[in-house]
Amino acid sequence: MNRTTRFTRTTALGLGAALAASAFAGLSATSATAAPAAKAPGTTSLAEVLDADGNKFDKEHGDFDIVDRAVRTVLGAKPDSPVGVLADGNTRVTAFIPTDKAFMRLVKDVAGSMPETEKATFDAVATFGVDTIEAVLLYHVVAGDTINSKEAAGADGAELTMASGGIVTVNVTDGGSIKLQDADTDDTNAKVIPAKVDINKGNKQIAHGISRVLRPINL
């Protein structure tokens, strides 16, 4: 299966038990000793990682307080929402998570002015309604795959099928920057932030911080 096929397949949320594949190393011609098995990925969920700093709004706009609060809000109103996959560390997931600054930029684009605080930003986002927040969150999640930054950097032109059913296209620039083209073709594309990649590395669920909120519709 080539990389593009892997990235474009649709994987249903609420997946049952995944098929486990066993990889055997070839026996050495001299020692006939099998190579040690690769370490199994962990099951720490992204919800646990997002909640690690206590879910408090602050003045550090490069972290993920708003997306954490958004996930909590959706699951509080809709406990059976597919957003709950982010709390299931046994399900493979790749999430592109917008920083707090990314949400501030979204509110500015929609309302015309930049909010001064994270709380004001979230209050503005909350006016979109739970269903819209849920749809936006799912548009940031690839369920069924653990895509690390190295794989993403080698996937120029790949189309990611998001958990919402929408498509996001990977665009790797000549300089190596990874950008994501969403459904809003005339807005600034989100950029994967180099210092915030491979969050929760070593687990089935992995995340990469991005500079803008992906938009599932053309605003």
N, C-alpha and C. Protein backbone atom coordinates (compact mmCIF):
# COMPACT_ATOMS: atom_id res chain seq x y z
N MET A 1 0.86 -1.20 0.00
CA MET A 1 0.00 0.00 0.00
C MET A 1 0.89 1.24 0.00
N ASN A 2 0.71 2.17 -0.93
CA ASN A 2 1.56 3.34 -0.95
C ASN A 2 1.09 4.36 0.08
N ARG A 3 1.95 5.41 0.32
CA ARG A 3 1.66 6.35 1.40
C ARG A 3 0.37 7.13 1.15
N THR A 4 0.14 7.51 -0.14
CA THR A 4 -1.06 8.29 -0.42
C THR A 4 -2.31 7.50 -0.12
N THR A 5 -2.31 6.20 -0.50
CA THR A 5 -3.47 5.36 -0.20
C THR A 5 -3.68 5.27 1.29
N ARG A 6 -2.58 5.14 2.03
CA ARG A 6 -2.70 5.02 3.48
C ARG A 6 -3.31 6.27 4.08
N PHE A 7 -2.91 7.42 3.55
CA PHE A 7 -3.38 8.67 4.12
C PHE A 7 -4.80 8.99 3.71
N THR A 8 -5.27 8.43 2.61
CA THR A 8 -6.60 8.83 2.14
C THR A 8 -7.70 7.87 2.53
N ARG A 9 -7.36 6.72 3.11
CA ARG A 9 -8.44 5.80 3.43
C ARG A 9 -9.30 6.35 4.56
N THR A 10 -10.57 6.06 4.52
CA THR A 10 -11.49 6.50 5.56
C THR A 10 -11.58 5.43 6.63
N THR A 11 -11.41 5.84 7.90
CA THR A 11 -11.47 4.91 9.01
C THR A 11 -12.59 5.30 9.93
N ALA A 12 -13.52 4.40 10.20
CA ALA A 12 -14.69 4.74 11.01
C ALA A 12 -14.29 4.94 12.46
N LEU A 13 -14.91 5.97 13.09
CA LEU A 13 -14.75 6.15 14.53
C LEU A 13 -15.54 5.05 15.22
N GLY A 14 -15.18 4.75 16.44
CA GLY A 14 -15.83 3.67 17.15
C GLY A 14 -15.40 2.34 16.58
N LEU A 15 -14.16 2.29 16.07
CA LEU A 15 -13.62 1.09 15.45
C LEU A 15 -13.55 -0.03 16.47
N GLY A 16 -13.80 -1.23 16.06
CA GLY A 16 -13.63 -2.39 16.93
C GLY A 16 -12.16 -2.67 17.11
N ALA A 17 -11.83 -3.85 17.59
CA ALA A 17 -10.43 -4.20 17.82
C ALA A 17 -9.68 -4.20 16.50
N ALA A 18 -8.52 -3.52 16.48
CA ALA A 18 -7.73 -3.46 15.25
C ALA A 18 -6.99 -4.77 15.06
N LEU A 19 -6.75 -5.13 13.81
CA LEU A 19 -5.98 -6.33 13.54
C LEU A 19 -4.53 -6.08 13.93
N ALA A 20 -3.95 -7.01 14.65
CA ALA A 20 -2.55 -6.84 15.07
C ALA A 20 -1.66 -7.58 14.09
N ALA A 21 -0.62 -6.88 13.60
CA ALA A 21 0.31 -7.49 12.65
C ALA A 21 1.61 -7.80 13.36
N SER A 22 2.14 -9.01 13.17
CA SER A 22 3.40 -9.39 13.80
C SER A 22 4.51 -9.35 12.76
N ALA A 23 5.61 -8.65 13.08
CA ALA A 23 6.74 -8.54 12.16
C ALA A 23 7.91 -9.34 12.72
N PHE A 24 8.42 -10.28 11.93
CA PHE A 24 9.51 -11.13 12.39
C PHE A 24 10.79 -10.74 11.68
N ALA A 25 11.86 -10.54 12.46
CA ALA A 25 13.15 -10.24 11.86
C ALA A 25 13.76 -11.53 11.32
N GLY A 26 14.53 -11.40 10.24
CA GLY A 26 15.20 -12.57 9.67
C GLY A 26 16.26 -13.10 10.61
N LEU A 27 16.47 -14.40 10.60
CA LEU A 27 17.50 -14.98 11.45
C LEU A 27 18.88 -14.64 10.91
N SER A 28 19.80 -14.34 11.81
CA SER A 28 21.18 -14.07 11.41
C SER A 28 21.83 -15.33 10.89
N ALA A 29 22.65 -15.18 9.84
CA ALA A 29 23.30 -16.35 9.24
C ALA A 29 24.30 -16.97 10.19
N THR A 30 24.78 -16.18 11.14
CA THR A 30 25.81 -16.72 12.02
C THR A 30 25.27 -17.10 13.39
N SER A 31 24.34 -16.30 13.92
CA SER A 31 23.89 -16.58 15.28
C SER A 31 22.50 -17.19 15.35
N ALA A 32 21.72 -17.04 14.28
CA ALA A 32 20.34 -17.54 14.23
C ALA A 32 19.53 -17.01 15.41
N THR A 33 19.84 -15.75 15.84
CA THR A 33 19.13 -15.12 16.94
C THR A 33 18.18 -14.06 16.41
N ALA A 34 16.91 -14.12 16.78
CA ALA A 34 15.93 -13.17 16.28
C ALA A 34 16.19 -11.79 16.86
N ALA A 35 15.99 -10.75 16.05
CA ALA A 35 16.13 -9.37 16.52
C ALA A 35 15.04 -9.09 17.53
N PRO A 36 15.31 -8.23 18.52
CA PRO A 36 14.28 -7.91 19.52
C PRO A 36 13.07 -7.27 18.88
N ALA A 37 11.88 -7.59 19.40
CA ALA A 37 10.64 -7.05 18.86
C ALA A 37 10.54 -5.56 19.16
N ALA A 38 9.92 -4.80 18.25
CA ALA A 38 9.71 -3.38 18.47
C ALA A 38 8.78 -3.18 19.66
N LYS A 39 9.05 -2.12 20.41
CA LYS A 39 8.22 -1.82 21.58
C LYS A 39 6.80 -1.46 21.15
N ALA A 40 5.84 -2.05 21.79
CA ALA A 40 4.44 -1.78 21.46
C ALA A 40 4.10 -0.33 21.83
N PRO A 41 3.30 0.35 20.99
CA PRO A 41 2.94 1.74 21.30
C PRO A 41 2.10 1.83 22.56
N GLY A 42 2.26 2.93 23.28
CA GLY A 42 1.51 3.14 24.51
C GLY A 42 0.07 3.54 24.24
N THR A 43 -0.70 3.65 25.30
CA THR A 43 -2.13 3.95 25.18
C THR A 43 -2.53 5.23 25.92
N THR A 44 -1.57 6.10 26.18
CA THR A 44 -1.92 7.40 26.74
C THR A 44 -2.73 8.18 25.71
N SER A 45 -3.88 8.70 26.10
CA SER A 45 -4.75 9.39 25.15
C SER A 45 -4.35 10.85 25.01
N LEU A 46 -4.75 11.45 23.90
CA LEU A 46 -4.50 12.87 23.72
C LEU A 46 -5.29 13.71 24.71
N ALA A 47 -6.45 13.23 25.13
CA ALA A 47 -7.22 13.96 26.13
C ALA A 47 -6.43 14.10 27.42
N GLU A 48 -5.72 13.04 27.80
CA GLU A 48 -4.87 13.09 29.00
C GLU A 48 -3.76 14.12 28.84
N VAL A 49 -3.16 14.16 27.66
CA VAL A 49 -2.06 15.08 27.40
C VAL A 49 -2.57 16.53 27.43
N LEU A 50 -3.71 16.78 26.79
CA LEU A 50 -4.26 18.13 26.76
C LEU A 50 -4.64 18.62 28.15
N ASP A 51 -5.03 17.69 29.02
CA ASP A 51 -5.49 18.05 30.36
C ASP A 51 -4.35 18.17 31.37
N ALA A 52 -3.13 17.87 30.92
CA ALA A 52 -2.01 17.77 31.85
C ALA A 52 -1.70 19.08 32.57
N ASP A 53 -1.99 20.23 31.93
CA ASP A 53 -1.65 21.50 32.58
C ASP A 53 -2.79 22.08 33.40
N GLY A 54 -3.85 21.30 33.59
CA GLY A 54 -4.92 21.74 34.47
C GLY A 54 -6.06 22.47 33.80
N ASN A 55 -6.03 22.59 32.46
CA ASN A 55 -7.13 23.21 31.73
C ASN A 55 -7.47 24.59 32.26
N LYS A 56 -6.44 25.45 32.32
CA LYS A 56 -6.66 26.82 32.77
C LYS A 56 -6.26 27.79 31.67
N PHE A 57 -7.09 28.81 31.45
CA PHE A 57 -6.71 29.85 30.51
C PHE A 57 -5.55 30.66 31.09
N ASP A 58 -4.63 31.04 30.25
CA ASP A 58 -3.47 31.78 30.73
C ASP A 58 -3.00 32.75 29.66
N LYS A 59 -1.80 33.26 29.80
CA LYS A 59 -1.25 34.22 28.85
C LYS A 59 -0.27 33.56 27.90
N GLU A 60 -0.15 32.25 27.97
CA GLU A 60 0.72 31.50 27.07
C GLU A 60 -0.12 31.02 25.90
N HIS A 61 -0.11 31.78 24.81
CA HIS A 61 -1.01 31.50 23.70
C HIS A 61 -0.47 30.45 22.72
N GLY A 62 0.69 29.89 23.07
CA GLY A 62 1.25 28.86 22.20
C GLY A 62 0.89 27.45 22.62
N ASP A 63 0.05 27.31 23.67
CA ASP A 63 -0.36 25.97 24.09
C ASP A 63 -1.79 25.71 23.64
N PHE A 64 -2.48 24.78 24.30
CA PHE A 64 -3.73 24.25 23.73
C PHE A 64 -4.90 24.29 24.71
N ASP A 65 -4.99 25.35 25.51
CA ASP A 65 -6.06 25.45 26.50
C ASP A 65 -7.44 25.53 25.86
N ILE A 66 -7.54 26.24 24.76
CA ILE A 66 -8.86 26.44 24.14
C ILE A 66 -9.37 25.16 23.50
N VAL A 67 -8.51 24.44 22.78
CA VAL A 67 -8.97 23.18 22.18
C VAL A 67 -9.32 22.17 23.28
N ASP A 68 -8.59 22.19 24.38
CA ASP A 68 -8.91 21.32 25.51
C ASP A 68 -10.30 21.65 26.04
N ARG A 69 -10.58 22.93 26.24
CA ARG A 69 -11.89 23.35 26.74
C ARG A 69 -12.98 23.03 25.72
N ALA A 70 -12.66 23.14 24.43
CA ALA A 70 -13.64 22.83 23.39
C ALA A 70 -14.02 21.35 23.42
N VAL A 71 -13.02 20.48 23.59
CA VAL A 71 -13.29 19.04 23.69
C VAL A 71 -14.16 18.75 24.90
N ARG A 72 -13.83 19.35 26.03
CA ARG A 72 -14.62 19.15 27.25
C ARG A 72 -16.06 19.63 27.06
N THR A 73 -16.22 20.75 26.39
CA THR A 73 -17.55 21.32 26.18
C THR A 73 -18.41 20.40 25.33
N VAL A 74 -17.84 19.89 24.25
CA VAL A 74 -18.59 19.00 23.37
C VAL A 74 -18.99 17.73 24.11
N LEU A 75 -18.04 17.11 24.82
CA LEU A 75 -18.35 15.86 25.50
C LEU A 75 -19.28 16.07 26.69
N GLY A 76 -19.24 17.26 27.28
CA GLY A 76 -20.19 17.56 28.35
C GLY A 76 -21.62 17.63 27.84
N ALA A 77 -21.78 18.19 26.64
CA ALA A 77 -23.12 18.32 26.06
C ALA A 77 -23.54 17.07 25.30
N LYS A 78 -22.57 16.36 24.73
CA LYS A 78 -22.85 15.19 23.89
C LYS A 78 -21.87 14.08 24.27
N PRO A 79 -22.16 13.36 25.36
CA PRO A 79 -21.22 12.34 25.85
C PRO A 79 -20.87 11.26 24.83
N ASP A 80 -21.76 11.01 23.87
CA ASP A 80 -21.51 9.97 22.87
C ASP A 80 -20.91 10.53 21.58
N SER A 81 -20.47 11.77 21.60
CA SER A 81 -19.87 12.38 20.41
C SER A 81 -18.63 11.61 19.98
N PRO A 82 -18.40 11.49 18.65
CA PRO A 82 -17.18 10.86 18.18
C PRO A 82 -15.91 11.58 18.61
N VAL A 83 -16.05 12.81 19.10
CA VAL A 83 -14.88 13.52 19.66
C VAL A 83 -14.28 12.72 20.81
N GLY A 84 -15.08 11.86 21.43
CA GLY A 84 -14.61 11.02 22.52
C GLY A 84 -13.47 10.09 22.14
N VAL A 85 -13.22 9.92 20.84
CA VAL A 85 -12.10 9.08 20.42
C VAL A 85 -10.79 9.62 20.96
N LEU A 86 -10.72 10.92 21.21
CA LEU A 86 -9.50 11.53 21.73
C LEU A 86 -9.20 11.08 23.16
N ALA A 87 -10.17 10.49 23.82
CA ALA A 87 -9.97 9.98 25.18
C ALA A 87 -9.77 8.47 25.20
N ASP A 88 -9.75 7.84 24.03
CA ASP A 88 -9.57 6.40 23.92
C ASP A 88 -8.18 6.10 23.42
N GLY A 89 -7.27 5.89 24.35
CA GLY A 89 -5.87 5.68 23.98
C GLY A 89 -5.59 4.40 23.24
N ASN A 90 -6.57 3.52 23.14
CA ASN A 90 -6.39 2.28 22.39
C ASN A 90 -6.69 2.45 20.90
N THR A 91 -7.25 3.60 20.52
CA THR A 91 -7.57 3.86 19.11
C THR A 91 -6.52 4.76 18.50
N ARG A 92 -5.96 4.34 17.39
CA ARG A 92 -4.95 5.16 16.71
C ARG A 92 -5.58 6.44 16.17
N VAL A 93 -4.92 7.54 16.46
CA VAL A 93 -5.42 8.85 16.06
C VAL A 93 -4.24 9.77 15.78
N THR A 94 -4.38 10.59 14.75
CA THR A 94 -3.47 11.72 14.57
C THR A 94 -4.32 12.97 14.59
N ALA A 95 -3.98 13.90 15.47
CA ALA A 95 -4.73 15.16 15.57
C ALA A 95 -3.81 16.33 15.25
N PHE A 96 -4.34 17.26 14.48
CA PHE A 96 -3.65 18.52 14.23
C PHE A 96 -4.34 19.55 15.10
N ILE A 97 -3.69 19.95 16.18
CA ILE A 97 -4.38 20.75 17.19
C ILE A 97 -3.95 22.23 17.13
N PRO A 98 -4.93 23.11 16.96
CA PRO A 98 -4.63 24.54 16.88
C PRO A 98 -4.21 25.09 18.24
N THR A 99 -3.22 25.97 18.22
CA THR A 99 -2.82 26.65 19.44
C THR A 99 -3.90 27.65 19.85
N ASP A 100 -3.77 28.18 21.06
CA ASP A 100 -4.70 29.23 21.50
C ASP A 100 -4.63 30.43 20.56
N LYS A 101 -3.43 30.77 20.09
CA LYS A 101 -3.27 31.89 19.16
C LYS A 101 -4.02 31.62 17.86
N ALA A 102 -4.05 30.35 17.44
CA ALA A 102 -4.78 29.99 16.22
C ALA A 102 -6.27 30.30 16.38
N PHE A 103 -6.83 30.01 17.54
CA PHE A 103 -8.25 30.32 17.78
C PHE A 103 -8.47 31.83 17.84
N MET A 104 -7.50 32.56 18.38
CA MET A 104 -7.62 34.02 18.41
C MET A 104 -7.66 34.57 16.98
N ARG A 105 -6.85 33.99 16.10
CA ARG A 105 -6.86 34.42 14.70
C ARG A 105 -8.20 34.10 14.03
N LEU A 106 -8.76 32.93 14.39
CA LEU A 106 -10.07 32.56 13.83
C LEU A 106 -11.14 33.57 14.22
N VAL A 107 -11.17 33.92 15.51
CA VAL A 107 -12.17 34.87 15.98
C VAL A 107 -11.98 36.23 15.30
N LYS A 108 -10.75 36.64 15.11
CA LYS A 108 -10.49 37.90 14.40
C LYS A 108 -11.04 37.85 12.98
N ASP A 109 -10.81 36.72 12.30
CA ASP A 109 -11.29 36.58 10.93
C ASP A 109 -12.82 36.63 10.86
N VAL A 110 -13.47 36.05 11.87
CA VAL A 110 -14.94 35.98 11.86
C VAL A 110 -15.57 37.26 12.38
N ALA A 111 -15.02 37.78 13.49
CA ALA A 111 -15.65 38.92 14.17
C ALA A 111 -15.03 40.27 13.79
N GLY A 112 -13.84 40.25 13.22
CA GLY A 112 -13.22 41.49 12.79
C GLY A 112 -12.21 42.09 13.75
N SER A 113 -12.12 41.56 14.98
CA SER A 113 -11.15 42.08 15.93
C SER A 113 -10.56 40.93 16.74
N MET A 114 -9.30 41.10 17.14
CA MET A 114 -8.60 40.06 17.89
C MET A 114 -8.98 40.13 19.37
N PRO A 115 -9.47 39.04 19.96
CA PRO A 115 -9.76 39.04 21.39
C PRO A 115 -8.48 39.21 22.20
N GLU A 116 -8.60 39.80 23.37
CA GLU A 116 -7.41 40.09 24.17
C GLU A 116 -6.98 38.93 25.05
N THR A 117 -7.91 38.04 25.39
CA THR A 117 -7.58 36.95 26.30
C THR A 117 -8.07 35.61 25.75
N GLU A 118 -7.55 34.53 26.33
CA GLU A 118 -8.01 33.20 25.94
C GLU A 118 -9.46 32.98 26.33
N LYS A 119 -9.85 33.50 27.48
CA LYS A 119 -11.25 33.34 27.90
C LYS A 119 -12.18 34.04 26.93
N ALA A 120 -11.83 35.26 26.53
CA ALA A 120 -12.66 35.98 25.57
C ALA A 120 -12.71 35.24 24.25
N THR A 121 -11.60 34.62 23.88
CA THR A 121 -11.55 33.85 22.65
C THR A 121 -12.49 32.65 22.72
N PHE A 122 -12.41 31.90 23.83
CA PHE A 122 -13.28 30.74 23.96
C PHE A 122 -14.74 31.15 24.03
N ASP A 123 -15.04 32.25 24.73
CA ASP A 123 -16.42 32.72 24.81
C ASP A 123 -16.96 33.02 23.41
N ALA A 124 -16.11 33.58 22.55
CA ALA A 124 -16.53 33.86 21.18
C ALA A 124 -16.74 32.58 20.40
N VAL A 125 -15.83 31.62 20.58
CA VAL A 125 -15.96 30.33 19.91
C VAL A 125 -17.23 29.61 20.36
N ALA A 126 -17.56 29.72 21.64
CA ALA A 126 -18.73 29.05 22.19
C ALA A 126 -20.03 29.52 21.53
N THR A 127 -20.03 30.75 21.02
CA THR A 127 -21.25 31.26 20.37
C THR A 127 -21.53 30.53 19.05
N PHE A 128 -20.55 29.81 18.52
CA PHE A 128 -20.77 29.05 17.29
C PHE A 128 -21.75 27.89 17.52
N GLY A 129 -21.86 27.43 18.77
CA GLY A 129 -22.73 26.30 19.10
C GLY A 129 -21.96 24.99 19.17
N VAL A 130 -22.47 24.09 19.99
CA VAL A 130 -21.78 22.82 20.23
C VAL A 130 -21.62 22.00 18.95
N ASP A 131 -22.63 21.96 18.12
CA ASP A 131 -22.56 21.15 16.91
C ASP A 131 -21.46 21.65 15.97
N THR A 132 -21.34 22.96 15.86
CA THR A 132 -20.29 23.52 15.00
C THR A 132 -18.91 23.26 15.59
N ILE A 133 -18.77 23.41 16.90
CA ILE A 133 -17.49 23.13 17.54
C ILE A 133 -17.12 21.67 17.33
N GLU A 134 -18.09 20.78 17.48
CA GLU A 134 -17.85 19.35 17.27
C GLU A 134 -17.36 19.10 15.85
N ALA A 135 -18.03 19.69 14.86
CA ALA A 135 -17.64 19.49 13.46
C ALA A 135 -16.23 20.00 13.19
N VAL A 136 -15.90 21.14 13.79
CA VAL A 136 -14.56 21.71 13.60
C VAL A 136 -13.50 20.80 14.23
N LEU A 137 -13.76 20.32 15.44
CA LEU A 137 -12.80 19.43 16.10
C LEU A 137 -12.56 18.17 15.28
N LEU A 138 -13.62 17.57 14.77
CA LEU A 138 -13.48 16.34 14.00
C LEU A 138 -12.74 16.57 12.69
N TYR A 139 -12.76 17.79 12.21
CA TYR A 139 -12.04 18.14 10.98
C TYR A 139 -10.53 18.26 11.23
N HIS A 140 -10.11 18.10 12.47
CA HIS A 140 -8.69 18.14 12.82
C HIS A 140 -8.13 16.76 13.18
N VAL A 141 -8.94 15.73 13.02
CA VAL A 141 -8.56 14.39 13.49
C VAL A 141 -8.55 13.38 12.35
N VAL A 142 -7.46 12.63 12.26
CA VAL A 142 -7.39 11.47 11.37
C VAL A 142 -7.46 10.24 12.26
N ALA A 143 -8.58 9.53 12.22
CA ALA A 143 -8.75 8.35 13.07
C ALA A 143 -8.21 7.12 12.35
N GLY A 144 -7.54 6.25 13.12
CA GLY A 144 -7.05 5.00 12.56
C GLY A 144 -5.60 5.01 12.15
N ASP A 145 -4.95 6.19 12.16
CA ASP A 145 -3.55 6.29 11.76
C ASP A 145 -2.74 7.07 12.79
N THR A 146 -1.50 6.65 12.99
CA THR A 146 -0.55 7.41 13.79
C THR A 146 0.48 7.95 12.82
N ILE A 147 0.35 9.20 12.44
CA ILE A 147 1.19 9.82 11.42
C ILE A 147 2.20 10.72 12.12
N ASN A 148 3.48 10.32 12.12
CA ASN A 148 4.48 11.15 12.77
C ASN A 148 4.94 12.27 11.83
N SER A 149 5.74 13.18 12.34
CA SER A 149 6.13 14.35 11.57
C SER A 149 7.00 13.97 10.37
N LYS A 150 7.81 12.93 10.50
CA LYS A 150 8.64 12.49 9.38
C LYS A 150 7.77 12.00 8.23
N GLU A 151 6.74 11.23 8.55
CA GLU A 151 5.83 10.75 7.52
C GLU A 151 5.07 11.91 6.88
N ALA A 152 4.64 12.85 7.69
CA ALA A 152 3.91 14.00 7.15
C ALA A 152 4.80 14.82 6.22
N ALA A 153 6.07 14.97 6.58
CA ALA A 153 6.99 15.74 5.76
C ALA A 153 7.26 15.08 4.41
N GLY A 154 7.03 13.77 4.32
CA GLY A 154 7.24 13.05 3.07
C GLY A 154 5.95 12.80 2.31
N ALA A 155 4.89 13.51 2.67
CA ALA A 155 3.58 13.22 2.09
C ALA A 155 3.01 14.40 1.31
N ASP A 156 3.87 15.15 0.63
CA ASP A 156 3.40 16.29 -0.15
C ASP A 156 2.32 15.87 -1.15
N GLY A 157 1.19 16.57 -1.11
CA GLY A 157 0.10 16.28 -2.02
C GLY A 157 -0.89 15.24 -1.51
N ALA A 158 -0.59 14.59 -0.39
CA ALA A 158 -1.50 13.58 0.14
C ALA A 158 -2.78 14.23 0.64
N GLU A 159 -3.88 13.53 0.46
CA GLU A 159 -5.18 13.99 0.94
C GLU A 159 -5.57 13.19 2.17
N LEU A 160 -5.72 13.88 3.27
CA LEU A 160 -6.10 13.24 4.52
C LEU A 160 -7.62 13.24 4.65
N THR A 161 -8.19 12.07 4.91
CA THR A 161 -9.62 11.99 5.19
C THR A 161 -9.81 12.15 6.70
N MET A 162 -10.44 13.24 7.07
CA MET A 162 -10.58 13.55 8.49
C MET A 162 -11.79 12.81 9.09
N ALA A 163 -11.86 12.80 10.41
CA ALA A 163 -12.94 12.07 11.09
C ALA A 163 -14.31 12.63 10.77
N SER A 164 -14.36 13.87 10.32
CA SER A 164 -15.63 14.49 9.93
C SER A 164 -16.07 14.04 8.54
N GLY A 165 -15.16 13.40 7.80
CA GLY A 165 -15.44 13.03 6.42
C GLY A 165 -14.87 14.02 5.42
N GLY A 166 -14.43 15.19 5.90
CA GLY A 166 -13.83 16.19 5.03
C GLY A 166 -12.40 15.85 4.66
N ILE A 167 -11.87 16.60 3.70
CA ILE A 167 -10.52 16.35 3.20
C ILE A 167 -9.61 17.53 3.54
N VAL A 168 -8.38 17.22 3.95
CA VAL A 168 -7.33 18.21 4.15
C VAL A 168 -6.13 17.75 3.32
N THR A 169 -5.55 18.66 2.56
CA THR A 169 -4.43 18.31 1.69
C THR A 169 -3.11 18.78 2.30
N VAL A 170 -2.12 17.89 2.29
CA VAL A 170 -0.79 18.21 2.81
C VAL A 170 0.02 18.91 1.73
N ASN A 171 0.64 20.02 2.09
CA ASN A 171 1.49 20.77 1.17
C ASN A 171 2.84 21.00 1.84
N VAL A 172 3.87 20.32 1.35
CA VAL A 172 5.21 20.48 1.90
C VAL A 172 5.98 21.42 0.99
N THR A 173 6.45 22.54 1.54
CA THR A 173 7.14 23.54 0.74
C THR A 173 8.58 23.10 0.47
N ASP A 174 9.24 23.82 -0.45
CA ASP A 174 10.64 23.51 -0.76
C ASP A 174 11.53 23.65 0.46
N GLY A 175 11.14 24.54 1.37
CA GLY A 175 11.92 24.72 2.59
C GLY A 175 11.62 23.70 3.67
N GLY A 176 10.68 22.79 3.41
CA GLY A 176 10.37 21.74 4.37
C GLY A 176 9.22 22.04 5.31
N SER A 177 8.59 23.21 5.17
CA SER A 177 7.43 23.52 6.01
C SER A 177 6.24 22.66 5.60
N ILE A 178 5.48 22.20 6.58
CA ILE A 178 4.30 21.40 6.32
C ILE A 178 3.07 22.28 6.51
N LYS A 179 2.32 22.46 5.41
CA LYS A 179 1.11 23.26 5.47
C LYS A 179 -0.10 22.38 5.16
N LEU A 180 -1.25 22.79 5.66
CA LEU A 180 -2.48 22.03 5.49
C LEU A 180 -3.52 22.89 4.79
N GLN A 181 -3.98 22.43 3.63
CA GLN A 181 -5.01 23.14 2.89
C GLN A 181 -6.39 22.63 3.29
N ASP A 182 -7.21 23.50 3.86
CA ASP A 182 -8.54 23.10 4.30
C ASP A 182 -9.58 23.43 3.24
N ALA A 183 -10.85 23.38 3.63
CA ALA A 183 -11.94 23.60 2.67
C ALA A 183 -12.15 25.07 2.34
N ASP A 184 -11.52 25.96 3.10
CA ASP A 184 -11.62 27.39 2.83
C ASP A 184 -10.41 27.78 1.98
N THR A 185 -10.59 27.81 0.68
CA THR A 185 -9.46 27.91 -0.24
C THR A 185 -8.81 29.28 -0.30
N ASP A 186 -9.48 30.32 0.23
CA ASP A 186 -8.88 31.65 0.12
C ASP A 186 -8.36 32.19 1.46
N ASP A 187 -8.31 31.34 2.49
CA ASP A 187 -7.73 31.78 3.76
C ASP A 187 -6.27 31.35 3.82
N THR A 188 -5.57 31.83 4.84
CA THR A 188 -4.17 31.43 5.04
C THR A 188 -4.13 29.99 5.53
N ASN A 189 -3.30 29.18 4.90
CA ASN A 189 -3.22 27.77 5.28
C ASN A 189 -2.57 27.60 6.65
N ALA A 190 -3.05 26.62 7.39
CA ALA A 190 -2.44 26.28 8.68
C ALA A 190 -1.05 25.69 8.45
N LYS A 191 -0.14 26.00 9.33
CA LYS A 191 1.22 25.48 9.26
C LYS A 191 1.50 24.62 10.49
N VAL A 192 2.10 23.46 10.26
CA VAL A 192 2.53 22.63 11.38
C VAL A 192 3.71 23.32 12.04
N ILE A 193 3.62 23.52 13.35
CA ILE A 193 4.65 24.26 14.09
C ILE A 193 5.80 23.30 14.44
N PRO A 194 7.00 23.55 13.90
CA PRO A 194 8.11 22.60 14.08
C PRO A 194 8.42 22.25 15.53
N ALA A 195 8.24 23.20 16.43
CA ALA A 195 8.56 22.95 17.84
C ALA A 195 7.45 22.21 18.57
N LYS A 196 6.34 21.94 17.88
CA LYS A 196 5.20 21.31 18.54
C LYS A 196 4.70 20.10 17.75
N VAL A 197 5.64 19.28 17.29
CA VAL A 197 5.27 18.07 16.56
C VAL A 197 5.47 16.83 17.44
N ASP A 198 4.83 15.74 17.01
CA ASP A 198 4.99 14.44 17.68
C ASP A 198 4.65 14.50 19.16
N ILE A 199 3.62 15.27 19.50
CA ILE A 199 3.13 15.31 20.88
C ILE A 199 2.55 13.95 21.23
N ASN A 200 2.95 13.42 22.39
CA ASN A 200 2.52 12.08 22.83
C ASN A 200 3.20 10.97 22.02
N LYS A 201 4.39 11.24 21.53
CA LYS A 201 5.15 10.28 20.74
C LYS A 201 5.33 8.97 21.51
N GLY A 202 5.25 7.87 20.78
CA GLY A 202 5.40 6.55 21.39
C GLY A 202 4.08 5.92 21.76
N ASN A 203 3.00 6.68 21.58
CA ASN A 203 1.65 6.18 21.86
C ASN A 203 0.85 6.05 20.56
N LYS A 204 -0.28 5.36 20.66
CA LYS A 204 -1.12 5.19 19.48
C LYS A 204 -1.73 6.50 19.02
N GLN A 205 -1.89 7.44 19.96
CA GLN A 205 -2.45 8.74 19.62
C GLN A 205 -1.34 9.79 19.63
N ILE A 206 -1.26 10.55 18.53
CA ILE A 206 -0.19 11.53 18.38
C ILE A 206 -0.80 12.83 17.88
N ALA A 207 -0.14 13.94 18.17
CA ALA A 207 -0.67 15.24 17.73
C ALA A 207 0.45 16.14 17.25
N HIS A 208 0.06 17.09 16.42
CA HIS A 208 0.98 18.11 15.93
C HIS A 208 0.30 19.47 16.07
N GLY A 209 0.98 20.43 16.67
CA GLY A 209 0.41 21.76 16.83
C GLY A 209 0.39 22.51 15.50
N ILE A 210 -0.67 23.26 15.26
CA ILE A 210 -0.78 24.03 14.02
C ILE A 210 -1.12 25.48 14.32
N SER A 211 -0.79 26.35 13.36
CA SER A 211 -0.86 27.79 13.57
C SER A 211 -2.23 28.40 13.34
N ARG A 212 -3.13 27.66 12.70
CA ARG A 212 -4.46 28.18 12.42
C ARG A 212 -5.49 27.06 12.57
N VAL A 213 -6.74 27.44 12.80
CA VAL A 213 -7.83 26.48 12.90
C VAL A 213 -8.24 26.07 11.49
N LEU A 214 -8.31 24.77 11.23
CA LEU A 214 -8.77 24.27 9.94
C LEU A 214 -10.27 24.51 9.80
N ARG A 215 -10.67 24.95 8.62
CA ARG A 215 -12.06 25.31 8.40
C ARG A 215 -12.73 24.28 7.48
N PRO A 216 -13.76 23.63 7.97
CA PRO A 216 -14.41 22.57 7.16
C PRO A 216 -15.33 23.11 6.07
N ILE A 217 -15.56 24.45 6.06
CA ILE A 217 -16.37 25.07 5.02
C ILE A 217 -15.67 26.33 4.54
N ASN A 218 -16.09 26.83 3.41
CA ASN A 218 -15.54 28.08 2.87
C ASN A 218 -16.26 29.26 3.51
N LEU A 219 -15.59 29.94 4.41
CA LEU A 219 -16.21 31.06 5.13
C LEU A 219 -16.25 32.32 4.26
